[in-house]
Protein backbone atom coordinates (compact mmCIF):
# COMPACT_ATOMS: atom_id res chain seq x y z
CA UNK A 1 15.84 10.77 -26.93
CA UNK A 2 13.51 8.36 -28.69
CA UNK A 3 10.32 10.44 -28.52
CA UNK A 4 8.68 12.26 -25.64
CA UNK A 5 8.08 10.33 -22.45
CA UNK A 6 6.15 11.33 -19.38
CA UNK A 7 6.12 10.39 -15.74
CA UNK A 8 3.56 11.36 -13.12
CA UNK A 9 3.86 14.23 -10.70
CA UNK A 10 1.28 15.21 -8.10
CA UNK A 11 -0.28 18.59 -8.83
CA UNK A 12 -3.23 20.36 -7.24
CA UNK A 13 -6.51 20.12 -9.09
CA UNK A 14 -10.20 20.44 -8.34
CA UNK A 15 -12.09 17.38 -9.58
CA UNK A 16 -15.72 17.19 -10.51
CA UNK A 17 -18.52 16.28 -8.17
CA UNK A 18 -18.03 12.58 -8.81
CA UNK A 19 -14.62 12.75 -7.21
CA UNK A 20 -15.62 14.90 -4.25
CA UNK A 21 -16.10 13.35 -0.85
CA UNK A 22 -18.37 16.06 0.60
CA UNK A 23 -21.20 18.22 -0.67
CA UNK A 24 -18.78 20.34 -2.65
CA UNK A 25 -15.80 19.34 -4.74
CA UNK A 26 -12.62 19.39 -2.67
CA UNK A 27 -9.06 20.16 -3.70
CA UNK A 28 -7.17 16.92 -4.04
CA UNK A 29 -3.85 15.97 -5.56
CA UNK A 30 -3.99 14.26 -8.91
CA UNK A 31 -1.30 12.92 -11.18
CA UNK A 32 -0.25 15.02 -14.15
CA UNK A 33 2.59 14.17 -16.55
CA UNK A 34 5.97 15.86 -16.60
CA UNK A 35 8.81 15.16 -18.97
CA UNK A 36 11.02 12.27 -17.94
CA UNK A 37 14.77 12.51 -18.31
CA UNK A 38 15.62 8.91 -19.14
CA UNK A 39 15.42 7.52 -22.63
CA UNK A 40 12.97 4.68 -22.87
CA UNK A 41 11.09 5.61 -19.68
CA UNK A 42 7.54 4.16 -19.90
CA UNK A 43 4.70 6.65 -20.04
CA UNK A 44 3.15 6.26 -16.59
CA UNK A 45 0.27 8.55 -17.41
CA UNK A 46 -0.72 7.45 -20.91
CA UNK A 47 -4.40 7.54 -21.68
CA UNK A 48 -6.17 4.39 -20.59
CA UNK A 49 -9.65 3.05 -21.24
CA UNK A 50 -11.38 3.56 -17.90
CA UNK A 51 -14.20 1.21 -18.78
CA UNK A 52 -15.63 1.35 -15.27
CA UNK A 53 -19.11 2.57 -16.10
CA UNK A 54 -21.22 4.80 -13.88
CA UNK A 55 -20.80 4.68 -10.13
CA UNK A 56 -23.75 3.17 -8.31
CA UNK A 57 -24.48 3.61 -4.62
CA UNK A 58 -23.78 0.33 -2.86
CA UNK A 59 -25.28 -1.14 0.22
CA UNK A 60 -23.58 0.09 3.40
CA UNK A 61 -23.02 -2.64 6.00
CA UNK A 62 -21.26 -2.89 9.30
CA UNK A 63 -18.63 -5.59 9.33
CA UNK A 64 -19.22 -8.38 11.84
CA UNK A 65 -15.52 -9.06 12.38
CA UNK A 66 -14.36 -8.45 15.98
CA UNK A 67 -12.34 -5.31 16.68
CA UNK A 68 -10.18 -4.16 19.55
CA UNK A 69 -12.27 -1.93 21.89
CA UNK A 70 -9.83 0.97 21.45
CA UNK A 71 -10.94 1.22 17.82
CA UNK A 72 -14.59 1.71 18.62
CA UNK A 73 -14.49 5.09 20.36
CA UNK A 74 -13.00 8.40 19.39
CA UNK A 75 -11.58 8.86 22.87
CA UNK A 76 -9.75 5.54 22.61
CA UNK A 77 -8.22 6.48 19.28
CA UNK A 78 -7.27 9.97 20.45
CA UNK A 79 -5.44 8.61 23.48
CA UNK A 80 -3.36 6.35 21.25
CA UNK A 81 -2.27 9.34 19.16
CA UNK A 82 -0.76 11.44 21.96
CA UNK A 83 2.77 10.06 21.90
CA UNK A 84 2.80 10.01 18.10
CA UNK A 85 1.75 13.67 17.95
CA UNK A 86 4.40 14.61 20.52
CA UNK A 87 7.16 13.15 18.32
CA UNK A 88 5.71 14.72 15.19
CA UNK A 89 5.59 18.17 16.77
CA UNK A 90 9.24 17.92 17.78
CA UNK A 91 10.41 17.57 14.20
CA UNK A 92 7.86 19.22 11.94
CA UNK A 93 7.95 22.38 9.89
CA UNK A 94 5.26 24.82 11.05
CA UNK A 95 1.85 23.47 10.00
CA UNK A 96 3.35 20.39 8.30
CA UNK A 97 1.33 17.39 9.46
CA UNK A 98 1.98 13.66 9.24
CA UNK A 99 -0.39 13.47 6.30
CA UNK A 100 1.16 16.44 4.50
CA UNK A 101 4.67 15.10 5.01
CA UNK A 102 3.72 11.78 3.45
CA UNK A 103 2.04 13.55 0.53
CA UNK A 104 5.00 15.84 -0.08
CA UNK A 105 7.44 12.93 0.07
CA UNK A 106 5.42 10.99 -2.49
CA UNK A 107 5.35 14.08 -4.72
CA UNK A 108 9.15 14.47 -4.58
CA UNK A 109 8.73 17.78 -2.74
CA UNK A 110 10.96 19.14 0.06
CA UNK A 111 10.13 18.05 3.61
CA UNK A 112 11.62 18.65 7.04
CA UNK A 113 12.12 14.92 7.44
CA UNK A 114 10.82 11.79 5.77
CA UNK A 115 7.86 9.88 7.20
CA UNK A 116 8.84 7.50 10.01
CA UNK A 117 6.57 4.50 9.50
CA UNK A 118 6.48 0.72 9.57
CA UNK A 119 4.30 -0.38 6.69
CA UNK A 120 4.36 -4.11 7.60
CA UNK A 121 2.81 -5.15 10.94
CA UNK A 122 5.07 -7.06 13.25
CA UNK A 123 4.77 -10.84 13.58
CA UNK A 124 2.25 -11.28 16.39
CA UNK A 125 3.02 -14.88 17.26
CA UNK A 126 6.78 -14.44 17.13
CA UNK A 127 8.26 -10.94 17.24
CA UNK A 128 5.55 -9.31 19.36
CA UNK A 129 5.46 -12.34 21.65
CA UNK A 130 9.20 -11.94 22.25
CA UNK A 131 8.87 -8.21 22.85
CA UNK A 132 6.14 -8.80 25.44
CA UNK A 133 8.67 -10.76 27.46
CA UNK A 134 11.18 -7.92 27.04
CA UNK A 135 8.92 -5.10 28.19
CA UNK A 136 6.39 -4.23 25.47
CA UNK A 137 3.22 -3.39 27.44
CA UNK A 138 0.39 -5.89 27.12
CA UNK A 139 -2.29 -3.22 26.70
CA UNK A 140 -0.82 -2.12 23.36
CA UNK A 141 -2.74 -4.21 20.84
CA UNK A 142 -3.33 -2.39 17.56
CA UNK A 143 -0.55 -1.65 15.10
CA UNK A 144 -0.90 2.10 15.66
CA UNK A 145 -0.79 1.70 19.45
CA UNK A 146 2.47 -0.23 19.11
CA UNK A 147 3.74 2.28 16.56
CA UNK A 148 2.98 5.16 18.93
CA UNK A 149 4.94 3.36 21.65
CA UNK A 150 8.03 3.49 19.41
CA UNK A 151 7.35 7.07 18.28
CA UNK A 152 6.42 6.19 14.69
CA UNK A 153 4.17 8.37 12.55
CA UNK A 154 0.59 7.17 12.69
CA UNK A 155 -0.96 5.49 9.66
CA UNK A 156 -3.93 3.14 9.20
CA UNK A 157 -4.33 0.26 6.77
CA UNK A 158 -7.69 -1.27 5.85
CA UNK A 159 -7.46 -4.56 3.96
CA UNK A 160 -10.76 -5.28 2.22
CA UNK A 161 -11.56 -8.98 1.96
CA UNK A 162 -12.98 -10.61 -1.16
CA UNK A 163 -14.91 -13.26 0.80
CA UNK A 164 -18.00 -12.47 2.86
CA UNK A 165 -17.18 -12.35 6.60
CA UNK A 166 -17.84 -15.69 8.25
CA UNK A 167 -18.01 -17.61 4.96
CA UNK A 168 -15.94 -20.75 4.48
CA UNK A 169 -15.33 -22.21 1.03
CA UNK A 170 -14.58 -25.93 0.81
CA UNK A 171 -11.86 -26.79 -1.66
CA UNK A 172 -10.55 -24.69 -4.54
CA UNK A 173 -11.85 -23.58 -7.92
CA UNK A 174 -11.16 -26.13 -10.67
CA UNK A 175 -13.54 -25.04 -13.43
CA UNK A 176 -16.42 -22.70 -14.25
CA UNK A 177 -18.93 -24.85 -12.36
CA UNK A 178 -16.95 -24.74 -9.12
CA UNK A 179 -16.46 -20.98 -9.53
CA UNK A 180 -20.22 -20.52 -9.87
CA UNK A 181 -20.64 -22.50 -6.66
CA UNK A 182 -18.30 -20.12 -4.84
CA UNK A 183 -19.75 -16.88 -6.24
CA UNK A 184 -22.42 -16.32 -3.53
CA UNK A 185 -19.63 -16.12 -0.95
CA UNK A 186 -17.33 -13.81 -2.93
CA UNK A 187 -17.18 -10.05 -3.52
CA UNK A 188 -18.97 -8.64 -0.43
CA UNK A 189 -21.42 -5.79 -0.98
CA UNK A 190 -20.82 -2.32 0.35
CA UNK A 191 -18.07 -2.25 2.96
CA UNK A 192 -18.88 -5.67 4.41
CA UNK A 193 -15.38 -6.80 3.43
CA UNK A 194 -13.80 -4.33 5.84
CA UNK A 195 -12.30 -5.71 9.07
CA UNK A 196 -13.47 -2.52 10.81
CA UNK A 197 -16.97 -1.09 11.32
CA UNK A 198 -17.96 1.85 9.16
CA UNK A 199 -18.00 4.14 12.21
CA UNK A 200 -14.36 3.30 12.90
CA UNK A 201 -13.47 4.22 9.32
CA UNK A 202 -15.29 7.53 9.80
CA UNK A 203 -13.19 8.17 12.91
CA UNK A 204 -10.05 7.44 10.90
CA UNK A 205 -11.21 9.92 8.27
CA UNK A 206 -11.69 12.60 10.94
CA UNK A 207 -8.18 12.01 12.35
CA UNK A 208 -6.73 12.04 8.83
CA UNK A 209 -8.54 15.29 8.08
CA UNK A 210 -6.69 16.86 11.03
CA UNK A 211 -3.44 15.60 9.51
CA UNK A 212 -2.48 13.29 12.39
CA UNK A 213 -2.56 10.11 10.29
CA UNK A 214 -2.90 8.86 6.74
CA UNK A 215 -5.07 5.96 5.62
CA UNK A 216 -4.31 3.43 2.92
CA UNK A 217 -6.64 0.89 1.38
CA UNK A 218 -5.47 -2.62 0.47
CA UNK A 219 -7.20 -4.73 -2.19
CA UNK A 220 -6.33 -8.11 -3.68
CA UNK A 221 -4.73 -7.97 -7.11
CA UNK A 222 -5.21 -9.88 -10.34
CA UNK A 223 -2.45 -12.40 -9.62
CA UNK A 224 -3.00 -12.78 -5.87
CA UNK A 225 -6.76 -13.43 -5.80
CA UNK A 226 -6.95 -16.17 -8.48
CA UNK A 227 -4.06 -17.93 -6.74
CA UNK A 228 -6.16 -18.06 -3.58
CA UNK A 229 -9.10 -19.47 -5.53
CA UNK A 230 -7.25 -22.05 -7.61
CA UNK A 231 -4.40 -22.98 -5.29
CA UNK A 232 -0.78 -22.31 -6.20
CA UNK A 233 -0.10 -25.09 -8.72
CA UNK A 234 -3.51 -25.08 -10.40
CA UNK A 235 -3.31 -21.29 -10.68
CA UNK A 236 -0.26 -21.52 -12.94
CA UNK A 237 -1.85 -24.19 -15.13
CA UNK A 238 -5.11 -22.21 -15.35
CA UNK A 239 -3.46 -19.50 -17.46
CA UNK A 240 -3.18 -22.18 -20.17
CA UNK A 241 -5.90 -24.71 -19.30
CA UNK A 242 -8.71 -22.33 -18.28
CA UNK A 243 -7.88 -18.95 -19.86
CA UNK A 244 -11.52 -17.88 -20.27
CA UNK A 245 -12.25 -18.70 -16.64
CA UNK A 246 -9.14 -16.81 -15.55
CA UNK A 247 -10.27 -13.77 -17.52
CA UNK A 248 -13.74 -13.98 -15.97
CA UNK A 249 -12.38 -14.19 -12.42
CA UNK A 250 -10.11 -11.20 -12.97
CA UNK A 251 -12.91 -9.21 -14.60
CA UNK A 252 -15.22 -9.95 -11.65
CA UNK A 253 -12.45 -8.91 -9.26
CA UNK A 254 -11.93 -5.65 -11.15
CA UNK A 255 -15.65 -4.86 -10.91
CA UNK A 256 -15.57 -5.59 -7.17
CA UNK A 257 -12.52 -3.38 -6.67
CA UNK A 258 -14.03 -0.49 -8.65
CA UNK A 259 -17.21 -0.69 -6.57
CA UNK A 260 -15.29 -0.97 -3.30
CA UNK A 261 -13.10 2.01 -4.18
CA UNK A 262 -16.22 4.13 -4.66
CA UNK A 263 -17.78 2.90 -1.40
CA UNK A 264 -14.60 3.36 0.63
CA UNK A 265 -14.01 6.89 -0.66
CA UNK A 266 -17.48 7.92 0.48
CA UNK A 267 -16.48 7.07 4.06
CA UNK A 268 -12.69 7.47 4.35
CA UNK A 269 -10.68 8.69 1.32
CA UNK A 270 -7.26 6.96 1.47
CA UNK A 271 -3.95 8.53 0.54
CA UNK A 272 -3.09 5.55 -1.64
CA UNK A 273 -4.38 2.14 -2.64
CA UNK A 274 -2.19 -0.94 -2.47
CA UNK A 275 -2.84 -4.08 -4.50
CA UNK A 276 -1.35 -7.29 -3.13
CA UNK A 277 0.23 -9.45 -5.83
CA UNK A 278 3.37 -11.34 -4.71
CA UNK A 279 4.07 -12.33 -8.30
CA UNK A 280 7.88 -12.48 -8.16
CA UNK A 281 10.48 -14.64 -6.47
CA UNK A 282 14.22 -14.19 -6.08
CA UNK A 283 14.82 -14.76 -9.81
CA UNK A 284 12.14 -12.40 -11.09
CA UNK A 285 8.51 -12.66 -12.26
CA UNK A 286 6.50 -15.87 -11.94
CA UNK A 287 4.77 -15.25 -15.27
CA UNK A 288 5.80 -14.00 -18.70
CA UNK A 289 5.23 -10.55 -20.15
CA UNK A 290 2.72 -12.01 -22.62
CA UNK A 291 0.65 -13.52 -19.79
CA UNK A 292 0.88 -10.26 -17.89
CA UNK A 293 -0.38 -8.32 -20.91
CA UNK A 294 -3.31 -10.65 -21.51
CA UNK A 295 -4.50 -11.27 -17.94
CA UNK A 296 -3.06 -8.75 -15.49
CA UNK A 297 -2.86 -5.53 -17.53
CA UNK A 298 -6.64 -5.25 -18.21
CA UNK A 299 -7.31 -5.34 -14.47
CA UNK A 300 -5.06 -2.36 -13.79
CA UNK A 301 -6.33 -0.44 -16.81
CA UNK A 302 -9.76 -0.76 -15.23
CA UNK A 303 -8.99 0.14 -11.61
CA UNK A 304 -6.09 2.62 -11.78
CA UNK A 305 -8.16 5.40 -13.41
CA UNK A 306 -10.78 4.99 -10.66
CA UNK A 307 -8.09 5.79 -8.10
CA UNK A 308 -6.27 8.49 -10.05
CA UNK A 309 -9.38 10.55 -10.69
CA UNK A 310 -9.99 10.63 -6.94
CA UNK A 311 -6.55 12.10 -6.36
CA UNK A 312 -4.70 9.06 -4.99
CA UNK A 313 -1.98 6.81 -6.34
CA UNK A 314 -1.45 3.06 -6.70
CA UNK A 315 1.20 0.91 -5.03
CA UNK A 316 1.76 -2.76 -5.90
CA UNK A 317 2.89 -5.12 -3.15
CA UNK A 318 5.06 -7.91 -4.51
CA UNK A 319 7.69 -9.87 -2.67
CA UNK A 320 10.72 -11.13 -4.56
CA UNK A 321 12.70 -9.34 -7.26
CA UNK A 322 10.38 -6.90 -9.04
CA UNK A 323 13.06 -5.26 -11.19
CA UNK A 324 11.93 -6.76 -14.48
CA UNK A 325 8.26 -5.99 -13.76
CA UNK A 326 8.63 -2.29 -12.96
CA UNK A 327 8.24 -1.23 -16.63
CA UNK A 328 5.34 -3.69 -17.07
CA UNK A 329 3.35 -2.07 -14.30
CA UNK A 330 4.38 1.41 -15.41
CA UNK A 331 2.71 0.73 -18.76
CA UNK A 332 -0.65 0.20 -17.00
CA UNK A 333 -0.40 3.22 -14.74
CA UNK A 334 0.93 1.86 -11.44
CA UNK A 335 2.84 4.54 -9.52
CA UNK A 336 4.99 2.60 -7.06
CA UNK A 337 6.00 -0.57 -5.24
CA UNK A 338 6.75 -2.12 -1.90
CA UNK A 339 8.44 -3.88 -0.06
CA UNK A 340 11.57 -4.15 -2.31
CA UNK A 341 13.08 -7.18 -0.59
CA UNK A 342 16.84 -6.86 -0.36
CA UNK A 343 17.40 -10.60 0.12
CA UNK A 344 15.71 -11.19 -3.25
CA UNK A 345 18.33 -9.04 -4.96
CA UNK A 346 16.35 -5.81 -5.31
CA UNK A 347 18.51 -2.68 -5.62
CA UNK A 348 16.60 0.57 -5.21
CA UNK A 349 19.32 2.51 -7.01
CA UNK A 350 18.80 0.33 -10.07
CA UNK A 351 15.01 0.77 -9.80
CA UNK A 352 15.44 4.53 -9.79
CA UNK A 353 17.53 4.29 -12.95
CA UNK A 354 14.75 2.29 -14.60
CA UNK A 355 11.93 4.56 -13.41
CA UNK A 356 13.10 7.88 -11.90
CA UNK A 357 9.63 9.06 -10.81
CA UNK A 358 8.43 5.77 -9.34
CA UNK A 359 7.36 5.73 -5.68
CA UNK A 360 8.87 3.20 -3.27
CA UNK A 361 8.25 2.07 0.31
CA UNK A 362 10.44 -0.37 2.26
CA UNK A 363 13.82 -1.86 1.21
CA UNK A 364 15.63 -1.72 4.57
CA UNK A 365 17.17 -5.19 4.85
CA UNK A 366 15.41 -6.85 7.80
CA UNK A 367 18.27 -9.35 8.14
CA UNK A 368 20.66 -6.70 9.50
CA UNK A 369 18.36 -5.34 12.22
CA UNK A 370 19.81 -7.57 14.96
CA UNK A 371 23.48 -7.25 13.91
CA UNK A 372 24.36 -4.14 15.88
CA UNK A 373 24.39 -0.40 15.44
CA UNK A 374 27.13 -0.22 12.83
CA UNK A 375 25.43 -2.75 10.56
CA UNK A 376 22.13 -0.87 10.82
CA UNK A 377 23.87 2.43 10.13
CA UNK A 378 25.62 1.00 7.04
CA UNK A 379 22.26 -0.09 5.69
CA UNK A 380 20.81 3.38 6.15
CA UNK A 381 23.87 4.89 4.46
CA UNK A 382 23.15 2.64 1.48
CA UNK A 383 19.59 3.98 1.30
CA UNK A 384 20.33 7.64 2.03
CA UNK A 385 21.04 8.82 -1.55
CA UNK A 386 17.62 7.65 -2.74
CA UNK A 387 15.93 8.87 0.45
CA UNK A 388 17.22 12.35 -0.41
CA UNK A 389 15.72 12.18 -3.91
CA UNK A 390 12.15 12.02 -2.59
CA UNK A 391 9.39 9.64 -3.60
CA UNK A 392 10.76 7.02 -1.21
CA UNK A 393 9.83 6.11 2.36
CA UNK A 394 12.46 3.90 3.99
CA UNK A 395 11.00 1.07 6.05
CA UNK A 396 11.69 -2.59 6.78
CA UNK A 397 11.44 -4.73 3.63
CA UNK A 398 8.94 -7.04 5.33
CA UNK A 399 7.80 -7.94 8.83
CA UNK A 400 10.45 -7.55 11.52
CA UNK A 401 11.80 -11.07 12.25
CA UNK A 402 11.77 -12.55 15.77
CA UNK A 403 15.59 -12.49 15.94
CA UNK A 404 15.23 -8.74 16.53
CA UNK A 405 15.00 -7.93 20.24
CA UNK A 406 12.98 -5.05 21.65
CA UNK A 407 16.20 -3.10 22.21
CA UNK A 408 17.37 -3.93 18.66
CA UNK A 409 14.16 -2.46 17.32
CA UNK A 410 14.43 0.65 19.48
CA UNK A 411 17.93 1.15 18.10
CA UNK A 412 16.63 0.72 14.55
CA UNK A 413 13.92 3.32 15.15
CA UNK A 414 16.42 5.79 16.62
CA UNK A 415 18.58 5.49 13.51
CA UNK A 416 15.55 5.57 11.21
CA UNK A 417 14.56 8.92 12.72
CA UNK A 418 18.12 10.20 12.40
CA UNK A 419 18.35 9.32 8.71
CA UNK A 420 14.85 10.57 7.95
CA UNK A 421 15.97 13.95 9.30
CA UNK A 422 19.19 13.78 7.27
CA UNK A 423 17.23 13.02 4.11
CA UNK A 424 14.84 15.90 4.78
CA UNK A 425 17.74 18.28 5.27
CA UNK A 426 18.94 17.43 1.77
C-alpha cells in the first residue's frame, strides 16, 4: 500500500460544552479515522483548517412562511406518528428506535433491518395528484403523514433558505455592484430561513429524542447557490470572468452556513446535514478539478468541521454521475452522497470500490417502479450486496414519477421492507 490511509467511522465521544445542546455536554457520535483497505483511498478525516471563528448567538426569529396546521401542535404530530411506530415496533430489535437504526446503518453496524425511508418528497402536482384519484386520503398533507400512510420510517427535513422570507430579487447577479444590491435580502438571520416555526423544530427535536424520527438539515452548497444568483450560463462564465466575486459569494455563503448550523443545533440537532449541489450530469462533473479545488473546496473545509465536531456527518446531493467527484469531495471531508441516479450511469458497486466507507442514500432506479413486481425485485437484488455492507440506505434515486400508480408504489414499499429485512439479517 502507498502509505497509510484513513476513512471515517462513527465512534462515541463526549464533546466539549461548545458542542453540547443542553446545559451539560451530551454523548454524541463523532467521526474518527480507521485504516482503509484500498490503496489510494482518500483520507476522509485529514486535518482541515476550521477557520470558522468563535460562535456568536444569533437572533432567533419565527419564520413567516405558512405551515400545515398539523405541524403546529404536538398532538397533531403525535397522531401522525402512530402508524409509523406500529410498523417500527413490528420489526425492531428490543430498544432499537428509528433514530438508532439510522445511526447504526450509517456507522456500518449490525441492524435488525435497514431504515425504510423515502428521502425525496413525491411530486405534488403530478404523482400525488394521481394518487389522490386512486385512493390516497386528502387529509394527508405533509411528507411524514404520507410516509406514515405507507408504513415508512419517520424522518424530517428542514431546508434552510438563503433569501429572506417574502423577499423577491429582480434579475440576476452580474457583477459586484449587483451583488451588493442583493445583499440586504440574502443570508437570513437566526432561523428566519426555516420554512417551519422554531416551536415546530423544538417539537421535532422532542420526537427525535424519543427515537421515533430523525431530522436532517439541508443547506445550499457552493455550486448550487451561485448558480441561483448568476443564472445557469452566467454562472459558468463567472468562474473565469468574475473569479473574485465568485470567491466572495462562496465565502459569504460559508459564513451563513456556519452561523445557521450553530443556530439550528441549539434548537434541533440533526442527524446529518445535506448540501445541495447538482454539479454533475450524465457524463460527469460540470466543472474541472482545478475549479473545484479553487472555489468549492474552501467552502467545505470551512463548514464540514462545524458539523463533525457536533457529532453529525455531511451528505452532498448531486444529480447526474458523481463517480469522478467522489474522491474530490472525500478530500474535503464529505462523508456521503445521494441520490445516485441510475439513469445517469451511477453504479453503487463501483462507488464502493472507490470509497469503501462512504455513506450512500438512494440509487433505486425510479424508472422500473411501474414495470411490475419482477422488475422491482430484480432492482432490489442488484442493490442487496451493498445494502448488506452497511452505510447505505436504499431509496428511490429521485422523486417517484407520475407513471407510478398508487398500487405500484405500495408494491415497491412491500418489497423495500422485504429487502431491508434481508439486508439486516446479513
